[in-house]
Amino acid sequence: MRRDGTHSTVQTAADGLRNPTSVALHGDTVYVLSAAYTTGQDPNLVLAHLND
């Protein structure tokens, strides 16, 4: 999400994202906890790197 309110989709289910529950940012790395509550398959931590 940018200051002007626009945003970009960085990851989807194709990247392993299932029912994200929390997000943490460290530098240009985004950590997304993907809990898989409704699917019950493959809970994981998904990483994304941001560009300006």
C-alpha atoms as a PDB file:
ATOM      1  CA  MET A   1       0.000   0.000   0.000  1.00  0.00           C
ATOM      2  CA  ARG A   2       1.344   3.371  -0.963  1.00  0.00           C
ATOM      3  CA  ARG A   3       0.905   6.742   0.697  1.00  0.00           C
ATOM      4  CA  ASP A   4      -1.601   7.753  -1.976  1.00  0.00           C
ATOM      5  CA  GLY A   5      -3.805   4.731  -1.155  1.00  0.00           C
ATOM      6  CA  THR A   6      -2.956   2.666  -4.225  1.00  0.00           C
ATOM      7  CA  HIS A   7      -1.763  -0.891  -3.668  1.00  0.00           C
ATOM      8  CA  SER A   8      -0.351  -3.953  -5.404  1.00  0.00           C
ATOM      9  CA  THR A   9      -0.989  -7.645  -4.855  1.00  0.00           C
ATOM     10  CA  VAL A  10       2.356  -9.193  -3.970  1.00  0.00           C
ATOM     11  CA  GLN A  11       1.375 -12.804  -3.288  1.00  0.00           C
ATOM     12  CA  THR A  12      -1.613 -15.077  -3.840  1.00  0.00           C
ATOM     13  CA  ALA A  13      -2.667 -18.667  -3.148  1.00  0.00           C
ATOM     14  CA  ALA A  14      -0.370 -19.725  -6.001  1.00  0.00           C
ATOM     15  CA  ASP A  15       2.538 -18.551  -3.797  1.00  0.00           C
ATOM     16  CA  GLY A  16       1.349 -20.611  -0.822  1.00  0.00           C
ATOM     17  CA  LEU A  17      -0.723 -17.921   0.864  1.00  0.00           C
ATOM     18  CA  ARG A  18      -3.719 -19.437   2.705  1.00  0.00           C
ATOM     19  CA  ASN A  19      -5.708 -17.472   5.315  1.00  0.00           C
ATOM     20  CA  PRO A  20      -3.056 -14.892   6.276  1.00  0.00           C
ATOM     21  CA  THR A  21      -3.283 -13.913   9.943  1.00  0.00           C
ATOM     22  CA  SER A  22      -0.487 -11.416  10.542  1.00  0.00           C
ATOM     23  CA  VAL A  23       2.165  -9.376   8.775  1.00  0.00           C
ATOM     24  CA  ALA A  24       5.586  -8.125   9.892  1.00  0.00           C
ATOM     25  CA  LEU A  25       7.915  -5.795   8.004  1.00  0.00           C
ATOM     26  CA  HIS A  26      11.704  -5.706   8.366  1.00  0.00           C
ATOM     27  CA  GLY A  27      13.506  -3.466   5.897  1.00  0.00           C
ATOM     28  CA  ASP A  28      12.198  -4.440   2.458  1.00  0.00           C
ATOM     29  CA  THR A  29      11.084  -7.928   3.548  1.00  0.00           C
ATOM     30  CA  VAL A  30       7.466  -8.703   4.429  1.00  0.00           C
ATOM     31  CA  TYR A  31       6.746 -11.786   6.552  1.00  0.00           C
ATOM     32  CA  VAL A  32       3.200 -13.139   6.330  1.00  0.00           C
ATOM     33  CA  LEU A  33       1.972 -15.891   8.629  1.00  0.00           C
ATOM     34  CA  SER A  34      -0.275 -18.093   6.531  1.00  0.00           C
ATOM     35  CA  ALA A  35      -2.277 -20.164   9.035  1.00  0.00           C
ATOM     36  CA  ALA A  36      -4.405 -22.241   6.617  1.00  0.00           C
ATOM     37  CA  TYR A  37      -7.319 -22.254   9.089  1.00  0.00           C
ATOM     38  CA  THR A  38     -10.020 -23.054   6.550  1.00  0.00           C
ATOM     39  CA  THR A  39      -7.997 -25.336   4.280  1.00  0.00           C
ATOM     40  CA  GLY A  40      -6.131 -27.246   6.999  1.00  0.00           C
ATOM     41  CA  GLN A  41      -3.243 -27.676   4.556  1.00  0.00           C
ATOM     42  CA  ASP A  42       0.272 -26.267   4.580  1.00  0.00           C
ATOM     43  CA  PRO A  43       0.368 -23.525   7.234  1.00  0.00           C
ATOM     44  CA  ASN A  44       3.581 -21.593   6.614  1.00  0.00           C
ATOM     45  CA  LEU A  45       5.501 -18.352   6.694  1.00  0.00           C
ATOM     46  CA  VAL A  46       5.455 -16.586   3.331  1.00  0.00           C
ATOM     47  CA  LEU A  47       8.100 -13.972   2.457  1.00  0.00           C
ATOM     48  CA  ALA A  48       7.906 -11.121  -0.030  1.00  0.00           C
ATOM     49  CA  HIS A  49      10.474  -8.494  -0.952  1.00  0.00           C
ATOM     50  CA  LEU A  50       9.276  -4.970  -1.664  1.00  0.00           C
ATOM     51  CA  ASN A  51      10.518  -2.639  -4.370  1.00  0.00           C
ATOM     52  CA  ASP A  52      10.165   1.139  -4.424  1.00  0.00           C
END
